[in-house]
C-alpha atoms as a PDB file:
ATOM      1  CA  MET A   1       0.000   0.000   0.000  1.00  0.00           C
ATOM      2  CA  THR A   2       1.379   3.405  -0.897  1.00  0.00           C
ATOM      3  CA  LEU A   3       1.689   6.361   1.439  1.00  0.00           C
ATOM      4  CA  ALA A   4      -0.950   8.256  -0.526  1.00  0.00           C
ATOM      5  CA  SER A   5      -3.585   5.586   0.057  1.00  0.00           C
ATOM      6  CA  ARG A   6      -2.711   5.308   3.736  1.00  0.00           C
ATOM      7  CA  ILE A   7      -2.946   9.002   4.484  1.00  0.00           C
ATOM      8  CA  ARG A   8      -6.488   9.345   3.203  1.00  0.00           C
ATOM      9  CA  SER A   9      -7.595   7.991   6.573  1.00  0.00           C
ATOM     10  CA  SER A  10      -4.584   8.847   8.687  1.00  0.00           C
ATOM     11  CA  SER A  11      -2.201  11.664   9.413  1.00  0.00           C
ATOM     12  CA  ILE A  12       1.370  12.637   8.811  1.00  0.00           C
ATOM     13  CA  VAL A  13       3.406  13.925  11.696  1.00  0.00           C
ATOM     14  CA  LEU A  14       6.230  16.214  10.643  1.00  0.00           C
ATOM     15  CA  VAL A  15       9.116  16.854  12.987  1.00  0.00           C
ATOM     16  CA  LEU A  16      11.510  19.482  11.697  1.00  0.00           C
ATOM     17  CA  VAL A  17      14.719  19.377  13.628  1.00  0.00           C
ATOM     18  CA  ALA A  18      16.950  22.430  13.433  1.00  0.00           C
ATOM     19  CA  LEU A  19      19.774  20.936  15.402  1.00  0.00           C
ATOM     20  CA  ALA A  20      22.969  18.473  13.731  1.00  0.00           C
ATOM     21  CA  GLY A  21      24.537  18.737  10.339  1.00  0.00           C
ATOM     22  CA  LEU A  22      24.447  21.589   7.901  1.00  0.00           C
ATOM     23  CA  LEU A  23      26.972  23.103   5.662  1.00  0.00           C
ATOM     24  CA  VAL A  24      30.541  24.108   6.162  1.00  0.00           C
ATOM     25  CA  ALA A  25      32.993  25.433   3.640  1.00  0.00           C
ATOM     26  CA  ALA A  26      36.559  24.227   3.287  1.00  0.00           C
ATOM     27  CA  PRO A  27      39.317  26.686   2.373  1.00  0.00           C
ATOM     28  CA  GLY A  28      41.648  26.014  -0.516  1.00  0.00           C
ATOM     29  CA  ALA A  29      45.313  25.193  -0.192  1.00  0.00           C
ATOM     30  CA  GLY A  30      47.550  28.060   0.928  1.00  0.00           C
ATOM     31  CA  ALA A  31      44.560  29.931   2.291  1.00  0.00           C
ATOM     32  CA  GLN A  32      44.883  33.344   3.859  1.00  0.00           C
ATOM     33  CA  GLU A  33      43.008  34.341   7.025  1.00  0.00           C
ATOM     34  CA  LYS A  34      39.401  33.431   6.395  1.00  0.00           C
ATOM     35  CA  SER A  35      35.951  32.888   7.849  1.00  0.00           C
ATOM     36  CA  PHE A  36      32.397  32.655   6.603  1.00  0.00           C
ATOM     37  CA  THR A  37      28.857  33.114   7.801  1.00  0.00           C
ATOM     38  CA  LEU A  38      25.675  31.480   6.575  1.00  0.00           C
ATOM     39  CA  VAL A  39      23.389  34.260   5.427  1.00  0.00           C
ATOM     40  CA  SER A  40      20.353  32.094   4.751  1.00  0.00           C
ATOM     41  CA  LEU A  41      19.064  28.587   4.225  1.00  0.00           C
ATOM     42  CA  THR A  42      15.885  27.886   2.294  1.00  0.00           C
ATOM     43  CA  VAL A  43      14.615  24.316   2.018  1.00  0.00           C
ATOM     44  CA  GLU A  44      11.849  22.886  -0.152  1.00  0.00           C
ATOM     45  CA  ALA A  45      11.123  19.259   0.702  1.00  0.00           C
ATOM     46  CA  THR A  46       8.555  17.213  -1.183  1.00  0.00           C
ATOM     47  CA  VAL A  47       7.278  13.930   0.236  1.00  0.00           C
ATOM     48  CA  GLY A  48       6.092  11.497  -2.419  1.00  0.00           C
ATOM     49  CA  SER A  49       3.470   8.765  -2.320  1.00  0.00           C
ATOM     50  CA  ASP A  50       6.344   6.267  -2.072  1.00  0.00           C
ATOM     51  CA  ALA A  51       7.332   7.793   1.329  1.00  0.00           C
ATOM     52  CA  ALA A  52      10.554   9.230  -0.151  1.00  0.00           C
ATOM     53  CA  MET A  53      11.495  12.880   0.271  1.00  0.00           C
ATOM     54  CA  ASP A  54      13.093  15.044  -2.424  1.00  0.00           C
ATOM     55  CA  VAL A  55      14.952  18.043  -1.018  1.00  0.00           C
ATOM     56  CA  VAL A  56      16.197  21.261  -2.627  1.00  0.00           C
ATOM     57  CA  GLU A  57      18.317  23.545  -0.424  1.00  0.00           C
ATOM     58  CA  GLN A  58      19.429  27.085  -1.276  1.00  0.00           C
ATOM     59  CA  VAL A  59      22.313  28.077   0.996  1.00  0.00           C
ATOM     60  CA  THR A  60      23.936  31.507   0.881  1.00  0.00           C
ATOM     61  CA  TYR A  61      27.410  32.056   2.299  1.00  0.00           C
ATOM     62  CA  ASP A  62      29.227  35.304   3.046  1.00  0.00           C
ATOM     63  CA  PHE A  63      32.938  34.536   2.665  1.00  0.00           C
ATOM     64  CA  SER A  64      35.576  36.661   4.352  1.00  0.00           C
ATOM     65  CA  GLY A  65      39.131  36.060   3.152  1.00  0.00           C
ATOM     66  CA  GLY A  66      39.804  32.853   1.319  1.00  0.00           C
ATOM     67  CA  PRO A  67      40.072  31.259  -1.039  1.00  0.00           C
ATOM     68  CA  PHE A  68      37.301  28.733  -0.324  1.00  0.00           C
ATOM     69  CA  THR A  69      37.015  25.931  -2.866  1.00  0.00           C
ATOM     70  CA  ILE A  70      34.830  23.174  -1.411  1.00  0.00           C
ATOM     71  CA  GLY A  71      31.446  22.992   0.303  1.00  0.00           C
ATOM     72  CA  VAL A  72      30.551  20.241   2.758  1.00  0.00           C
ATOM     73  CA  ARG A  73      27.014  19.035   3.529  1.00  0.00           C
ATOM     74  CA  SER A  74      26.987  16.953   6.672  1.00  0.00           C
ATOM     75  CA  PHE A  75      24.206  14.662   7.837  1.00  0.00           C
ATOM     76  CA  LEU A  76      23.631  12.617  10.952  1.00  0.00           C
ATOM     77  CA  ARG A  77      25.784   9.504  10.812  1.00  0.00           C
ATOM     78  CA  GLU A  78      22.740   7.235  10.686  1.00  0.00           C
ATOM     79  CA  ASP A  79      21.236   9.263   7.816  1.00  0.00           C
ATOM     80  CA  ARG A  80      24.341   9.762   5.661  1.00  0.00           C
ATOM     81  CA  SER A  81      24.092   6.411   3.865  1.00  0.00           C
ATOM     82  CA  ARG A  82      20.406   7.017   3.098  1.00  0.00           C
ATOM     83  CA  ILE A  83      21.100  10.003   0.846  1.00  0.00           C
ATOM     84  CA  GLU A  84      20.723   9.424  -2.892  1.00  0.00           C
ATOM     85  CA  ALA A  85      21.127  11.551  -6.016  1.00  0.00           C
ATOM     86  CA  PHE A  86      23.085  14.315  -4.266  1.00  0.00           C
ATOM     87  CA  GLU A  87      23.769  17.204  -6.662  1.00  0.00           C
ATOM     88  CA  ALA A  88      25.149  20.731  -6.289  1.00  0.00           C
ATOM     89  CA  PHE A  89      24.616  23.772  -8.508  1.00  0.00           C
ATOM     90  CA  GLU A  90      25.616  27.425  -8.671  1.00  0.00           C
ATOM     91  CA  ASN A  91      23.750  29.773 -11.021  1.00  0.00           C
ATOM     92  CA  GLY A  92      22.300  26.726 -12.749  1.00  0.00           C
ATOM     93  CA  GLN A  93      25.737  25.197 -13.393  1.00  0.00           C
ATOM     94  CA  SER A  94      26.226  21.629 -12.189  1.00  0.00           C
ATOM     95  CA  LEU A  95      29.205  21.267  -9.840  1.00  0.00           C
ATOM     96  CA  LEU A  96      31.482  18.296  -9.217  1.00  0.00           C
ATOM     97  CA  VAL A  97      30.319  16.270  -6.188  1.00  0.00           C
ATOM     98  CA  ASP A  98      32.312  13.761  -4.147  1.00  0.00           C
ATOM     99  CA  PRO A  99      30.412  11.102  -2.148  1.00  0.00           C
ATOM    100  CA  PRO A 100      31.285  10.421   1.507  1.00  0.00           C
ATOM    101  CA  SER A 101      33.337   7.351   0.557  1.00  0.00           C
ATOM    102  CA  GLN A 102      35.742   9.600  -1.382  1.00  0.00           C
ATOM    103  CA  THR A 103      36.121  12.600   0.948  1.00  0.00           C
ATOM    104  CA  PRO A 104      38.411  13.268   3.924  1.00  0.00           C
ATOM    105  CA  THR A 105      35.424  14.506   5.953  1.00  0.00           C
ATOM    106  CA  GLY A 106      33.326  11.411   5.264  1.00  0.00           C
ATOM    107  CA  GLU A 107      30.527  13.771   4.149  1.00  0.00           C
ATOM    108  CA  TRP A 108      29.072  14.900   0.827  1.00  0.00           C
ATOM    109  CA  GLU A 109      31.335  17.577  -0.696  1.00  0.00           C
ATOM    110  CA  TRP A 110      31.074  19.756  -3.783  1.00  0.00           C
ATOM    111  CA  HIS A 111      33.726  21.742  -5.644  1.00  0.00           C
ATOM    112  CA  PHE A 112      33.220  25.432  -6.385  1.00  0.00           C
ATOM    113  CA  ALA A 113      33.469  26.355 -10.070  1.00  0.00           C
ATOM    114  CA  THR A 114      35.745  29.238  -9.033  1.00  0.00           C
ATOM    115  CA  PRO A 115      37.314  29.917  -5.605  1.00  0.00           C
ATOM    116  CA  ALA A 116      35.389  32.236  -3.275  1.00  0.00           C
ATOM    117  CA  THR A 117      37.149  35.149  -1.564  1.00  0.00           C
ATOM    118  CA  ASN A 118      35.463  38.117   0.146  1.00  0.00           C
ATOM    119  CA  GLU A 119      32.109  37.588  -1.541  1.00  0.00           C
ATOM    120  CA  VAL A 120      28.572  36.280  -1.110  1.00  0.00           C
ATOM    121  CA  ARG A 121      27.742  33.062  -2.986  1.00  0.00           C
ATOM    122  CA  THR A 122      24.588  30.920  -3.176  1.00  0.00           C
ATOM    123  CA  PHE A 123      24.606  27.191  -3.856  1.00  0.00           C
ATOM    124  CA  GLU A 124      21.692  24.884  -4.568  1.00  0.00           C
ATOM    125  CA  LEU A 125      21.799  21.325  -3.253  1.00  0.00           C
ATOM    126  CA  HIS A 126      19.478  18.516  -4.335  1.00  0.00           C
ATOM    127  CA  TYR A 127      19.135  15.112  -2.703  1.00  0.00           C
ATOM    128  CA  ARG A 128      16.641  12.312  -2.151  1.00  0.00           C
ATOM    129  CA  VAL A 129      15.864  10.397   1.029  1.00  0.00           C
ATOM    130  CA  PRO A 130      14.147   7.050   0.319  1.00  0.00           C
ATOM    131  CA  ARG A 131      11.725   5.852   3.018  1.00  0.00           C
ATOM    132  CA  ALA A 132      11.910   9.225   4.759  1.00  0.00           C
ATOM    133  CA  VAL A 133       8.426   8.710   6.186  1.00  0.00           C
ATOM    134  CA  GLN A 134       7.881   5.823   8.564  1.00  0.00           C
ATOM    135  CA  VAL A 135       4.359   4.594   7.802  1.00  0.00           C
ATOM    136  CA  GLY A 136       2.448   2.996  10.665  1.00  0.00           C
ATOM    137  CA  THR A 137      -1.099   1.688  10.997  1.00  0.00           C
ATOM    138  CA  ASP A 138      -2.598   5.099  11.710  1.00  0.00           C
ATOM    139  CA  VAL A 139       0.085   7.731  11.052  1.00  0.00           C
ATOM    140  CA  GLY A 140       3.051   8.502   8.858  1.00  0.00           C
ATOM    141  CA  ASP A 141       6.008  10.029  10.694  1.00  0.00           C
ATOM    142  CA  LEU A 142       8.619  12.274   9.043  1.00  0.00           C
ATOM    143  CA  TYR A 143      11.514  13.072  11.378  1.00  0.00           C
ATOM    144  CA  TRP A 144      14.412  14.801   9.662  1.00  0.00           C
ATOM    145  CA  MET A 145      17.230  17.066  10.742  1.00  0.00           C
ATOM    146  CA  PHE A 146      17.592  19.814   8.144  1.00  0.00           C
ATOM    147  CA  LEU A 147      19.956  22.047  10.081  1.00  0.00           C
ATOM    148  CA  GLY A 148      22.709  21.283  12.528  1.00  0.00           C
ATOM    149  CA  GLU A 149      25.028  22.868  15.036  1.00  0.00           C
ATOM    150  CA  ASP A 150      28.337  22.504  13.158  1.00  0.00           C
ATOM    151  CA  HIS A 151      28.295  26.088  11.894  1.00  0.00           C
ATOM    152  CA  SER A 152      28.486  29.583  13.364  1.00  0.00           C
ATOM    153  CA  GLY A 153      24.788  30.325  12.962  1.00  0.00           C
ATOM    154  CA  VAL A 154      22.404  31.145  10.120  1.00  0.00           C
ATOM    155  CA  GLY A 155      20.872  34.552   9.483  1.00  0.00           C
ATOM    156  CA  SER A 156      17.507  33.150   8.369  1.00  0.00           C
ATOM    157  CA  VAL A 157      16.039  29.691   7.836  1.00  0.00           C
ATOM    158  CA  ARG A 158      12.868  28.685   6.009  1.00  0.00           C
ATOM    159  CA  ILE A 159      11.799  25.067   5.563  1.00  0.00           C
ATOM    160  CA  ASP A 160       8.716  24.186   3.489  1.00  0.00           C
ATOM    161  CA  ILE A 161       7.494  20.584   3.348  1.00  0.00           C
ATOM    162  CA  SER A 162       4.807  19.375   0.958  1.00  0.00           C
ATOM    163  CA  VAL A 163       3.011  16.073   1.516  1.00  0.00           C
ATOM    164  CA  PRO A 164       0.829  14.064  -0.864  1.00  0.00           C
ATOM    165  CA  GLY A 165      -2.922  13.921  -0.555  1.00  0.00           C
ATOM    166  CA  GLN A 166      -5.405  16.366   0.936  1.00  0.00           C
ATOM    167  CA  ILE A 167      -4.818  16.280   4.694  1.00  0.00           C
ATOM    168  CA  ALA A 168      -6.429  18.940   6.846  1.00  0.00           C
ATOM    169  CA  PRO A 169      -3.991  20.709   9.165  1.00  0.00           C
ATOM    170  CA  ALA A 170      -4.562  20.291  12.886  1.00  0.00           C
ATOM    171  CA  SER A 171      -5.900  23.284  14.792  1.00  0.00           C
ATOM    172  CA  LEU A 172      -5.327  24.271  18.416  1.00  0.00           C
ATOM    173  CA  ASP A 173      -8.532  22.514  19.467  1.00  0.00           C
ATOM    174  CA  THR A 174      -7.958  19.290  17.470  1.00  0.00           C
ATOM    175  CA  PRO A 175      -7.973  16.369  19.943  1.00  0.00           C
ATOM    176  CA  ASP A 176      -4.622  14.607  20.405  1.00  0.00           C
ATOM    177  CA  THR A 177      -6.298  11.349  19.424  1.00  0.00           C
ATOM    178  CA  ASP A 178      -7.406  12.637  15.992  1.00  0.00           C
ATOM    179  CA  THR A 179      -5.248  10.812  13.439  1.00  0.00           C
ATOM    180  CA  SER A 180      -6.904  12.345  10.373  1.00  0.00           C
ATOM    181  CA  VAL A 181      -4.960  15.619  10.435  1.00  0.00           C
ATOM    182  CA  LEU A 182      -1.505  16.969   9.657  1.00  0.00           C
ATOM    183  CA  ARG A 183       0.653  17.973  12.623  1.00  0.00           C
ATOM    184  CA  ALA A 184       4.126  19.505  12.818  1.00  0.00           C
ATOM    185  CA  TRP A 185       6.699  20.303  15.478  1.00  0.00           C
ATOM    186  CA  GLY A 186      10.057  22.010  15.247  1.00  0.00           C
ATOM    187  CA  HIS A 187      13.106  21.740  17.477  1.00  0.00           C
ATOM    188  CA  GLY A 188      15.401  24.739  17.461  1.00  0.00           C
ATOM    189  CA  PRO A 189      15.521  28.427  18.422  1.00  0.00           C
ATOM    190  CA  ARG A 190      12.569  29.595  20.513  1.00  0.00           C
ATOM    191  CA  GLN A 191      11.828  32.435  18.094  1.00  0.00           C
ATOM    192  CA  GLY A 192      11.109  29.944  15.314  1.00  0.00           C
ATOM    193  CA  VAL A 193       7.583  29.556  13.958  1.00  0.00           C
ATOM    194  CA  VAL A 194       5.948  26.328  12.753  1.00  0.00           C
ATOM    195  CA  GLY A 195       2.852  26.672  10.608  1.00  0.00           C
ATOM    196  CA  LEU A 196       0.497  24.342   8.749  1.00  0.00           C
ATOM    197  CA  ALA A 197      -1.506  25.145   5.645  1.00  0.00           C
ATOM    198  CA  PRO A 198      -3.607  23.112   3.206  1.00  0.00           C
ATOM    199  CA  ALA A 199      -2.209  22.561  -0.257  1.00  0.00           C
ATOM    200  CA  ALA A 200      -2.832  25.481  -2.620  1.00  0.00           C
END
């Protein structure tokens, strides 16, 4: 039975975790004094009827000094081997990607088309997570860590998740036992906001 047929009479619980593994940048050889900040992270995640999740991340760095030549996308150790079809782009140009088995960090890495020094650059990362949703008898559960602590902080973060089917979002007065609605929780900074909306 597919996820789409299950969720007609059940719910999906989304847990967005803003807490282990995001993006770091590696300096090039012979680098001068350097640092970087993460200006923003925007994530669009789409859950399919096969319970897989396709993710597109737009991450903007502000590089100080340099040169920086490689980006690193880290994941929780238990999730790293689940990632498929990892791709990186800048301005629509496909970039060379090295899988964890071929990198010194043991993480997904991508090579910049040109070194970055004292500039703002945005990269787009694509990847797929098979069986991202754990489907039970009455609910489907998506628990994924989109943002970690191995960075100096992010100026702004937005994560949008789309799910298949027409599931009504839970309201404040929806009983805890109601498994016919969509629910979401986030773990991270207290000023963060989690919202639910029906599909447009």
